[in-house]
Protein backbone atom coordinates (compact mmCIF):
# COMPACT_ATOMS: atom_id res chain seq x y z
CA MET A 1 -36.41 58.67 -3.52
CA LYS A 2 -32.68 58.96 -3.03
CA LEU A 3 -30.41 55.99 -3.80
CA THR A 4 -27.02 57.46 -2.85
CA PRO A 5 -25.92 57.62 0.80
CA ASP A 6 -25.92 60.96 2.54
CA PRO A 7 -22.32 62.28 2.76
CA ASP A 8 -22.98 63.79 6.20
CA SER A 9 -24.02 60.48 7.79
CA LYS A 10 -21.26 58.48 9.47
CA PRO A 11 -21.30 54.72 9.82
CA ASP A 12 -21.71 53.20 13.26
CA PRO A 13 -18.33 52.49 14.86
CA GLN A 14 -17.43 48.81 15.10
CA PRO A 15 -16.36 47.52 18.51
CA GLY A 16 -12.64 46.95 18.80
CA PRO A 17 -11.04 43.58 19.47
CA LYS A 18 -11.46 42.24 22.94
CA PRO A 19 -8.32 41.88 25.06
CA ASP A 20 -6.85 38.40 25.47
CA PRO A 21 -7.70 36.72 28.76
CA SER A 22 -4.91 36.80 31.25
CA PRO A 23 -3.06 33.50 31.64
CA THR A 24 -3.99 31.47 34.67
CA PRO A 25 -1.21 31.26 37.20
CA THR A 26 0.44 27.84 37.45
CA ARG A 27 0.16 26.26 40.84
CA GLU A 28 2.78 24.09 42.41
CA PRO A 29 1.57 20.49 42.14
CA GLY A 30 2.00 19.48 45.76
CA VAL A 31 1.91 15.88 46.93
CA LYS A 32 -1.18 14.93 44.94
CA GLY A 33 0.23 16.35 41.70
CA TRP A 34 3.63 14.80 42.37
CA LEU A 35 2.03 11.39 42.95
CA LYS A 36 -0.08 11.74 39.79
CA GLU A 37 3.01 12.56 37.69
CA LEU A 38 4.94 9.68 39.27
CA LEU A 39 2.14 7.22 38.48
CA LYS A 40 1.91 8.51 34.90
CA LYS A 41 5.63 7.88 34.43
CA LYS A 42 5.51 4.44 36.03
CA ILE A 43 2.47 3.34 34.02
CA ALA A 44 4.01 4.69 30.81
CA ASN A 45 7.21 2.73 31.47
CA LEU A 46 5.22 -0.42 32.28
CA LEU A 47 3.21 -0.14 29.06
CA LEU A 48 6.43 0.41 27.13
CA LYS A 49 7.95 -2.78 28.58
CA ILE A 50 4.79 -4.78 27.80
CA ALA A 51 4.72 -3.45 24.23
CA ASP A 52 8.39 -4.37 23.81
CA LYS A 53 7.75 -7.94 24.97
CA MET A 54 4.69 -8.26 22.72
CA LEU A 55 6.72 -7.00 19.78
CA VAL A 56 9.34 -9.69 20.41
CA ALA A 57 6.66 -12.42 20.69
CA LEU A 58 4.66 -11.31 17.65
CA PRO A 59 6.60 -13.32 15.00
CA GLY A 60 6.18 -16.49 17.06
CA ILE A 61 2.45 -15.92 17.42
CA ILE A 62 2.03 -15.29 13.70
CA GLY A 63 4.18 -18.33 12.88
CA SER A 64 2.15 -20.62 15.12
CA MET A 65 -1.12 -19.42 13.54
CA VAL A 66 0.22 -19.99 10.02
CA SER A 67 1.50 -23.42 11.05
CA PHE A 68 -1.91 -24.34 12.45
CA VAL A 69 -3.66 -23.25 9.25
CA LEU A 70 -1.22 -25.18 7.06
CA LYS A 71 -1.47 -28.32 9.21
CA SER A 72 -5.26 -28.27 9.15
CA ALA A 73 -5.21 -27.69 5.39
CA ALA A 74 -2.77 -30.59 4.96
CA VAL A 75 -5.01 -32.93 6.99
CA ARG A 76 -8.03 -31.90 4.94
CA LEU A 77 -6.17 -32.29 1.64
CA ASN A 78 -4.85 -35.66 2.78
CA SER A 79 -8.37 -36.89 3.45
CA TYR A 80 -9.45 -35.61 0.01
CA PHE A 81 -6.49 -37.37 -1.58
CA VAL A 82 -7.38 -40.65 0.16
CA ASP A 83 -10.98 -40.33 -1.00
CA PHE A 84 -9.83 -39.54 -4.55
CA SER A 85 -7.40 -42.46 -4.66
CA ASN A 86 -10.08 -44.85 -3.31
CA ALA A 87 -12.52 -43.64 -5.98
CA LEU A 88 -9.86 -43.99 -8.69
CA GLY A 89 -8.94 -47.46 -7.49
CA THR A 90 -12.57 -48.48 -7.53
CA ILE A 91 -13.02 -47.20 -11.07
CA VAL A 92 -9.86 -48.92 -12.32
CA TYR A 93 -10.61 -52.21 -10.53
CA ASN A 94 -14.13 -52.47 -11.89
């Protein structure tokens, strides 16, 4: 049994790299392509205007939510304070 390779044998050749695919030719867009690009630009501008208006209104929205939370907490604390003062008055009076 022979463990070393035979010097006369040649390895199988490996296939070479495949050529890159040719680039696809660009077509002129035509009316349909022109309309699609125009709508993309118009919709992008519309979304930009809406985002700008929402960004301006965001502090007011956050402020109104915080105000609502604080007012509801104040009403709840006020009712607790009234209950506490009534209980304290009852204890002191009796």
